[in-house]
N, C-alpha and C. Protein backbone atom coordinates (compact mmCIF):
# COMPACT_ATOMS: atom_id res chain seq x y z
N MET A 1 26.52 -5.53 22.90
CA MET A 1 25.31 -5.25 22.14
C MET A 1 24.13 -5.88 22.86
N LYS A 2 22.98 -5.23 22.79
CA LYS A 2 21.77 -5.73 23.44
C LYS A 2 21.32 -7.05 22.85
N LYS A 3 20.69 -7.87 23.68
CA LYS A 3 20.18 -9.16 23.23
C LYS A 3 18.70 -9.11 22.87
N THR A 4 18.01 -8.06 23.30
CA THR A 4 16.59 -7.95 23.01
C THR A 4 16.39 -7.26 21.66
N PRO A 5 15.19 -7.36 21.09
CA PRO A 5 14.96 -6.81 19.75
C PRO A 5 15.07 -5.28 19.64
N LEU A 6 14.84 -4.56 20.73
CA LEU A 6 14.81 -3.09 20.66
C LEU A 6 16.22 -2.52 20.59
N LEU A 7 16.52 -1.87 19.47
CA LEU A 7 17.85 -1.28 19.27
C LEU A 7 17.86 0.24 19.35
N ASN A 8 16.70 0.89 19.19
CA ASN A 8 16.64 2.35 19.19
C ASN A 8 17.04 2.88 20.56
N ILE A 9 18.05 3.73 20.59
CA ILE A 9 18.59 4.23 21.85
C ILE A 9 17.57 5.05 22.63
N ALA A 10 16.90 5.99 21.96
CA ALA A 10 15.95 6.86 22.65
C ALA A 10 14.78 6.06 23.22
N LEU A 11 14.29 5.10 22.47
CA LEU A 11 13.16 4.30 22.92
C LEU A 11 13.58 3.36 24.06
N SER A 12 14.74 2.79 23.97
CA SER A 12 15.26 1.92 25.03
C SER A 12 15.45 2.72 26.32
N ARG A 13 16.00 3.92 26.21
CA ARG A 13 16.20 4.80 27.36
C ARG A 13 14.87 5.14 28.01
N LEU A 14 13.87 5.46 27.18
CA LEU A 14 12.54 5.80 27.70
C LEU A 14 11.97 4.64 28.51
N ILE A 15 11.98 3.45 27.95
CA ILE A 15 11.39 2.29 28.64
C ILE A 15 12.14 2.00 29.94
N ALA A 16 13.46 2.13 29.91
CA ALA A 16 14.24 1.89 31.13
C ALA A 16 13.93 2.90 32.22
N SER A 17 13.45 4.08 31.84
CA SER A 17 13.20 5.13 32.83
C SER A 17 11.76 5.16 33.35
N LEU A 18 10.89 4.31 32.82
CA LEU A 18 9.48 4.35 33.21
C LEU A 18 9.25 3.88 34.63
N GLY A 19 8.28 4.51 35.27
CA GLY A 19 7.81 4.07 36.57
C GLY A 19 6.37 3.59 36.44
N HIS A 20 5.87 2.96 37.48
CA HIS A 20 4.52 2.42 37.49
C HIS A 20 3.50 3.53 37.19
N GLY A 21 2.68 3.30 36.19
CA GLY A 21 1.64 4.26 35.83
C GLY A 21 2.03 5.26 34.76
N ASP A 22 3.32 5.31 34.41
CA ASP A 22 3.73 6.22 33.33
C ASP A 22 3.10 5.78 32.02
N ARG A 23 2.84 6.75 31.16
CA ARG A 23 2.18 6.49 29.88
C ARG A 23 3.13 6.72 28.71
N VAL A 24 3.05 5.81 27.74
CA VAL A 24 3.79 5.93 26.48
C VAL A 24 2.78 5.77 25.36
N VAL A 25 2.82 6.66 24.39
CA VAL A 25 1.93 6.58 23.24
C VAL A 25 2.73 6.06 22.05
N ILE A 26 2.16 5.08 21.36
CA ILE A 26 2.68 4.68 20.06
C ILE A 26 1.62 5.15 19.07
N GLY A 27 2.03 5.98 18.13
CA GLY A 27 1.06 6.60 17.25
C GLY A 27 1.36 6.45 15.79
N ASP A 28 0.33 6.70 15.01
CA ASP A 28 0.49 6.71 13.56
C ASP A 28 1.16 8.01 13.13
N ALA A 29 1.41 8.14 11.85
CA ALA A 29 2.16 9.29 11.34
C ALA A 29 1.41 10.61 11.51
N GLY A 30 0.10 10.57 11.69
CA GLY A 30 -0.68 11.79 11.78
C GLY A 30 -1.05 12.24 13.17
N LEU A 31 -0.74 11.45 14.19
CA LEU A 31 -1.13 11.82 15.54
C LEU A 31 -0.38 13.07 15.99
N PRO A 32 -1.10 14.10 16.44
CA PRO A 32 -0.39 15.31 16.89
C PRO A 32 0.38 15.06 18.18
N VAL A 33 1.49 15.74 18.33
CA VAL A 33 2.31 15.65 19.53
C VAL A 33 2.11 16.93 20.33
N PRO A 34 1.56 16.81 21.53
CA PRO A 34 1.32 18.01 22.34
C PRO A 34 2.62 18.70 22.72
N PRO A 35 2.59 20.01 22.86
CA PRO A 35 3.78 20.73 23.32
C PRO A 35 4.24 20.18 24.67
N GLY A 36 5.55 20.03 24.82
CA GLY A 36 6.11 19.57 26.07
C GLY A 36 6.23 18.06 26.21
N VAL A 37 5.63 17.29 25.30
CA VAL A 37 5.74 15.84 25.35
C VAL A 37 6.87 15.42 24.41
N GLU A 38 7.78 14.59 24.91
CA GLU A 38 8.90 14.13 24.10
C GLU A 38 8.40 13.35 22.89
N LEU A 39 9.01 13.59 21.75
CA LEU A 39 8.71 12.85 20.53
C LEU A 39 9.90 11.97 20.19
N ILE A 40 9.62 10.68 20.02
CA ILE A 40 10.62 9.76 19.48
C ILE A 40 10.11 9.41 18.09
N ASP A 41 10.68 10.01 17.10
CA ASP A 41 10.18 9.90 15.73
C ASP A 41 10.92 8.79 14.99
N LEU A 42 10.21 7.69 14.76
CA LEU A 42 10.76 6.56 14.03
C LEU A 42 10.35 6.56 12.56
N ALA A 43 9.39 7.43 12.20
CA ALA A 43 8.82 7.42 10.85
C ALA A 43 9.88 7.68 9.78
N LEU A 44 9.90 6.80 8.78
CA LEU A 44 10.81 6.96 7.64
C LEU A 44 10.03 7.33 6.39
N THR A 45 8.94 6.60 6.15
CA THR A 45 8.08 6.83 5.00
C THR A 45 6.75 6.14 5.28
N HIS A 46 5.81 6.25 4.36
CA HIS A 46 4.49 5.63 4.57
C HIS A 46 4.64 4.15 4.92
N GLY A 47 4.17 3.79 6.12
CA GLY A 47 4.16 2.40 6.52
C GLY A 47 5.43 1.86 7.15
N ILE A 48 6.47 2.65 7.20
CA ILE A 48 7.75 2.16 7.74
C ILE A 48 8.24 3.10 8.83
N PRO A 49 8.41 2.60 10.06
CA PRO A 49 7.95 1.29 10.52
C PRO A 49 6.45 1.30 10.72
N ASP A 50 5.87 0.13 10.71
CA ASP A 50 4.43 0.05 10.90
C ASP A 50 4.09 0.04 12.40
N PHE A 51 2.84 0.32 12.70
CA PHE A 51 2.36 0.38 14.08
C PHE A 51 2.51 -0.96 14.80
N ALA A 52 2.03 -2.04 14.18
CA ALA A 52 2.02 -3.35 14.84
C ALA A 52 3.43 -3.83 15.16
N GLY A 53 4.34 -3.69 14.21
CA GLY A 53 5.71 -4.11 14.44
C GLY A 53 6.38 -3.30 15.54
N THR A 54 6.14 -2.01 15.54
CA THR A 54 6.71 -1.15 16.58
C THR A 54 6.16 -1.54 17.95
N LEU A 55 4.86 -1.76 18.03
CA LEU A 55 4.24 -2.16 19.29
C LEU A 55 4.85 -3.45 19.82
N LYS A 56 5.01 -4.43 18.96
CA LYS A 56 5.56 -5.72 19.40
C LYS A 56 6.98 -5.57 19.95
N VAL A 57 7.80 -4.74 19.32
CA VAL A 57 9.16 -4.53 19.80
C VAL A 57 9.14 -3.81 21.15
N VAL A 58 8.28 -2.81 21.30
CA VAL A 58 8.17 -2.12 22.59
C VAL A 58 7.75 -3.11 23.68
N LEU A 59 6.80 -3.97 23.37
CA LEU A 59 6.33 -4.93 24.35
C LEU A 59 7.39 -5.96 24.74
N SER A 60 8.43 -6.11 23.92
CA SER A 60 9.51 -7.04 24.27
C SER A 60 10.29 -6.54 25.49
N GLU A 61 10.18 -5.24 25.80
CA GLU A 61 10.91 -4.67 26.93
C GLU A 61 10.03 -4.00 27.96
N MET A 62 8.81 -3.64 27.62
CA MET A 62 7.97 -2.86 28.53
C MET A 62 6.90 -3.72 29.19
N GLN A 63 6.82 -3.63 30.51
CA GLN A 63 5.73 -4.27 31.26
C GLN A 63 4.51 -3.34 31.19
N VAL A 64 3.40 -3.86 30.68
CA VAL A 64 2.21 -3.04 30.48
C VAL A 64 1.10 -3.50 31.42
N GLU A 65 0.53 -2.54 32.13
CA GLU A 65 -0.57 -2.80 33.06
C GLU A 65 -1.92 -2.64 32.38
N SER A 66 -2.00 -1.65 31.48
CA SER A 66 -3.26 -1.39 30.78
C SER A 66 -2.95 -0.59 29.52
N HIS A 67 -3.97 -0.45 28.69
CA HIS A 67 -3.80 0.32 27.46
C HIS A 67 -5.10 1.03 27.10
N VAL A 68 -4.97 2.08 26.30
CA VAL A 68 -6.10 2.89 25.88
C VAL A 68 -6.12 2.95 24.36
N LEU A 69 -7.31 2.76 23.80
CA LEU A 69 -7.52 2.88 22.36
C LEU A 69 -8.65 3.87 22.09
N ALA A 70 -8.64 4.45 20.91
CA ALA A 70 -9.75 5.30 20.48
C ALA A 70 -10.85 4.42 19.91
N GLN A 71 -12.07 4.70 20.30
CA GLN A 71 -13.23 3.93 19.84
C GLN A 71 -13.35 3.92 18.32
N GLU A 72 -12.89 4.96 17.67
CA GLU A 72 -13.01 5.08 16.22
C GLU A 72 -12.26 3.98 15.47
N ILE A 73 -11.30 3.33 16.12
CA ILE A 73 -10.58 2.23 15.45
C ILE A 73 -11.54 1.11 15.09
N LEU A 74 -12.62 0.97 15.86
CA LEU A 74 -13.61 -0.08 15.58
C LEU A 74 -14.41 0.22 14.31
N ASP A 75 -14.56 1.48 13.97
CA ASP A 75 -15.28 1.87 12.75
C ASP A 75 -14.42 1.64 11.50
N LYS A 76 -13.15 1.99 11.59
CA LYS A 76 -12.25 1.91 10.43
C LYS A 76 -11.65 0.51 10.25
N LYS A 77 -11.51 -0.23 11.35
CA LYS A 77 -10.97 -1.59 11.33
C LYS A 77 -9.67 -1.74 10.51
N PRO A 78 -8.63 -0.98 10.88
CA PRO A 78 -7.36 -1.16 10.18
C PRO A 78 -6.80 -2.55 10.47
N SER A 79 -5.91 -3.03 9.64
CA SER A 79 -5.36 -4.37 9.82
C SER A 79 -4.65 -4.52 11.17
N ALA A 80 -4.14 -3.44 11.73
CA ALA A 80 -3.46 -3.50 13.02
C ALA A 80 -4.41 -3.88 14.15
N LEU A 81 -5.71 -3.71 13.95
CA LEU A 81 -6.68 -4.07 14.99
C LEU A 81 -6.61 -5.56 15.32
N ALA A 82 -6.38 -6.39 14.33
CA ALA A 82 -6.25 -7.84 14.57
C ALA A 82 -5.05 -8.12 15.47
N THR A 83 -3.94 -7.43 15.24
CA THR A 83 -2.76 -7.60 16.08
C THR A 83 -3.05 -7.14 17.50
N LEU A 84 -3.74 -6.02 17.65
CA LEU A 84 -4.10 -5.53 18.98
C LEU A 84 -4.96 -6.56 19.71
N ASP A 85 -5.91 -7.14 19.01
CA ASP A 85 -6.78 -8.14 19.64
C ASP A 85 -6.00 -9.39 20.03
N GLU A 86 -5.06 -9.81 19.19
CA GLU A 86 -4.22 -10.97 19.51
C GLU A 86 -3.37 -10.72 20.74
N LEU A 87 -2.72 -9.54 20.79
CA LEU A 87 -1.88 -9.21 21.93
C LEU A 87 -2.71 -9.08 23.20
N ASP A 88 -3.92 -8.54 23.06
CA ASP A 88 -4.82 -8.42 24.20
C ASP A 88 -5.22 -9.80 24.71
N ALA A 89 -5.53 -10.71 23.80
CA ALA A 89 -5.92 -12.08 24.19
C ALA A 89 -4.77 -12.81 24.89
N GLU A 90 -3.54 -12.50 24.50
CA GLU A 90 -2.36 -13.10 25.12
C GLU A 90 -2.04 -12.50 26.49
N GLY A 91 -2.71 -11.40 26.83
CA GLY A 91 -2.45 -10.73 28.10
C GLY A 91 -1.29 -9.77 28.07
N ALA A 92 -0.78 -9.46 26.88
CA ALA A 92 0.39 -8.60 26.77
C ALA A 92 0.08 -7.12 26.99
N LEU A 93 -1.22 -6.77 26.93
CA LEU A 93 -1.59 -5.35 27.00
C LEU A 93 -2.35 -4.98 28.27
N GLY A 94 -2.60 -5.93 29.14
CA GLY A 94 -3.35 -5.62 30.36
C GLY A 94 -4.78 -5.19 30.06
N ARG A 95 -5.36 -4.49 30.98
CA ARG A 95 -6.76 -4.04 30.87
C ARG A 95 -6.92 -3.04 29.71
N ARG A 96 -8.04 -3.14 29.00
CA ARG A 96 -8.31 -2.26 27.86
C ARG A 96 -9.31 -1.18 28.27
N GLU A 97 -9.02 0.05 27.86
CA GLU A 97 -9.92 1.18 28.08
C GLU A 97 -10.20 1.85 26.74
N TRP A 98 -11.42 2.31 26.56
CA TRP A 98 -11.82 2.98 25.32
C TRP A 98 -12.13 4.45 25.60
N LEU A 99 -11.67 5.31 24.72
CA LEU A 99 -11.98 6.74 24.75
C LEU A 99 -12.30 7.19 23.33
N SER A 100 -12.93 8.35 23.21
CA SER A 100 -13.07 8.94 21.88
C SER A 100 -11.68 9.39 21.43
N HIS A 101 -11.51 9.59 20.14
CA HIS A 101 -10.21 10.03 19.63
C HIS A 101 -9.83 11.38 20.23
N GLU A 102 -10.81 12.26 20.41
CA GLU A 102 -10.53 13.56 21.01
C GLU A 102 -10.06 13.40 22.45
N GLN A 103 -10.70 12.53 23.23
CA GLN A 103 -10.27 12.26 24.61
C GLN A 103 -8.89 11.62 24.63
N PHE A 104 -8.63 10.74 23.65
CA PHE A 104 -7.32 10.10 23.53
C PHE A 104 -6.23 11.15 23.37
N LYS A 105 -6.48 12.13 22.49
CA LYS A 105 -5.48 13.18 22.26
C LYS A 105 -5.26 14.03 23.52
N VAL A 106 -6.32 14.27 24.27
CA VAL A 106 -6.17 15.02 25.52
C VAL A 106 -5.32 14.22 26.51
N LEU A 107 -5.60 12.92 26.65
CA LEU A 107 -4.83 12.07 27.57
C LEU A 107 -3.37 11.97 27.15
N SER A 108 -3.11 12.03 25.85
CA SER A 108 -1.73 11.92 25.38
C SER A 108 -0.85 13.08 25.87
N ARG A 109 -1.47 14.15 26.33
CA ARG A 109 -0.70 15.27 26.90
C ARG A 109 0.05 14.84 28.16
N GLN A 110 -0.41 13.77 28.81
CA GLN A 110 0.20 13.29 30.04
C GLN A 110 1.25 12.21 29.79
N ALA A 111 1.53 11.90 28.54
CA ALA A 111 2.48 10.85 28.21
C ALA A 111 3.90 11.30 28.49
N ARG A 112 4.73 10.34 28.85
CA ARG A 112 6.16 10.61 28.98
C ARG A 112 6.75 10.86 27.60
N ALA A 113 6.22 10.15 26.59
CA ALA A 113 6.70 10.34 25.22
C ALA A 113 5.67 9.79 24.24
N ILE A 114 5.76 10.30 23.02
CA ILE A 114 4.98 9.77 21.90
C ILE A 114 5.98 9.21 20.90
N VAL A 115 5.74 7.96 20.52
CA VAL A 115 6.58 7.29 19.52
C VAL A 115 5.83 7.35 18.21
N ARG A 116 6.35 8.11 17.26
CA ARG A 116 5.70 8.25 15.96
C ARG A 116 6.22 7.18 15.01
N THR A 117 5.28 6.43 14.43
CA THR A 117 5.63 5.42 13.43
C THR A 117 5.32 5.98 12.04
N GLY A 118 5.58 5.19 11.03
CA GLY A 118 5.23 5.57 9.67
C GLY A 118 3.84 5.06 9.27
N GLU A 119 3.10 4.55 10.25
CA GLU A 119 1.77 3.98 9.98
C GLU A 119 0.83 5.03 9.41
N CYS A 120 0.13 4.65 8.34
CA CYS A 120 -0.80 5.57 7.70
C CYS A 120 -2.22 5.02 7.65
N GLN A 121 -2.53 4.02 8.47
CA GLN A 121 -3.91 3.55 8.63
C GLN A 121 -4.53 4.39 9.75
N PRO A 122 -5.81 4.76 9.62
CA PRO A 122 -6.41 5.63 10.63
C PRO A 122 -6.56 4.97 11.99
N TYR A 123 -6.35 5.78 13.03
CA TYR A 123 -6.57 5.42 14.44
C TYR A 123 -5.65 4.31 14.94
N CYS A 124 -4.51 4.14 14.34
CA CYS A 124 -3.53 3.17 14.83
C CYS A 124 -2.66 3.86 15.89
N ASN A 125 -3.29 4.06 17.04
CA ASN A 125 -2.65 4.73 18.17
C ASN A 125 -3.01 3.97 19.44
N ILE A 126 -2.07 3.92 20.36
CA ILE A 126 -2.31 3.25 21.64
C ILE A 126 -1.55 3.99 22.73
N ILE A 127 -2.18 4.07 23.88
CA ILE A 127 -1.50 4.56 25.08
C ILE A 127 -1.21 3.34 25.94
N LEU A 128 0.05 3.12 26.24
CA LEU A 128 0.48 2.02 27.09
C LEU A 128 0.75 2.57 28.48
N VAL A 129 0.18 1.93 29.49
CA VAL A 129 0.39 2.34 30.89
C VAL A 129 1.35 1.34 31.52
N ALA A 130 2.47 1.84 32.01
CA ALA A 130 3.51 0.97 32.55
C ALA A 130 3.06 0.26 33.80
N GLY A 131 3.39 -1.02 33.86
CA GLY A 131 3.13 -1.83 35.05
C GLY A 131 4.44 -2.09 35.76
N VAL A 132 4.41 -3.03 36.69
CA VAL A 132 5.62 -3.44 37.41
C VAL A 132 5.80 -4.94 37.22
N THR A 133 7.03 -5.38 37.37
CA THR A 133 7.33 -6.79 37.16
C THR A 133 7.32 -7.58 38.47
N PHE A 134 6.97 -6.94 39.54
CA PHE A 134 6.94 -7.66 40.83
C PHE A 134 5.59 -7.53 41.48
């Protein structure tokens, strides 16, 4: 059995297969999934699993070089924004880039996969860009 917190087979397989610069989206329950992009659907019900908890587990296994957020998250200020700021301050998320939500959705077409959570707070979406450990 694995020793790290991530137990989901599909998500673990995805992270193990990433190369430098590959993108993974962790999204709320309403984020659209573009045709052709793999969906790893973790959503069970409203709020389960939540965005922040899912992000932390992904970060336990994924090396992140940078991340992208939608500017609109600053207007709505969901509680997950505090977690994002904490992880950013710790250096867990690499360089931060801002896009409009519409630009974010366009960029998500280039993702290796979108991980859908049960999060129902607006704009709780992030694009993680894979880094290297060496």
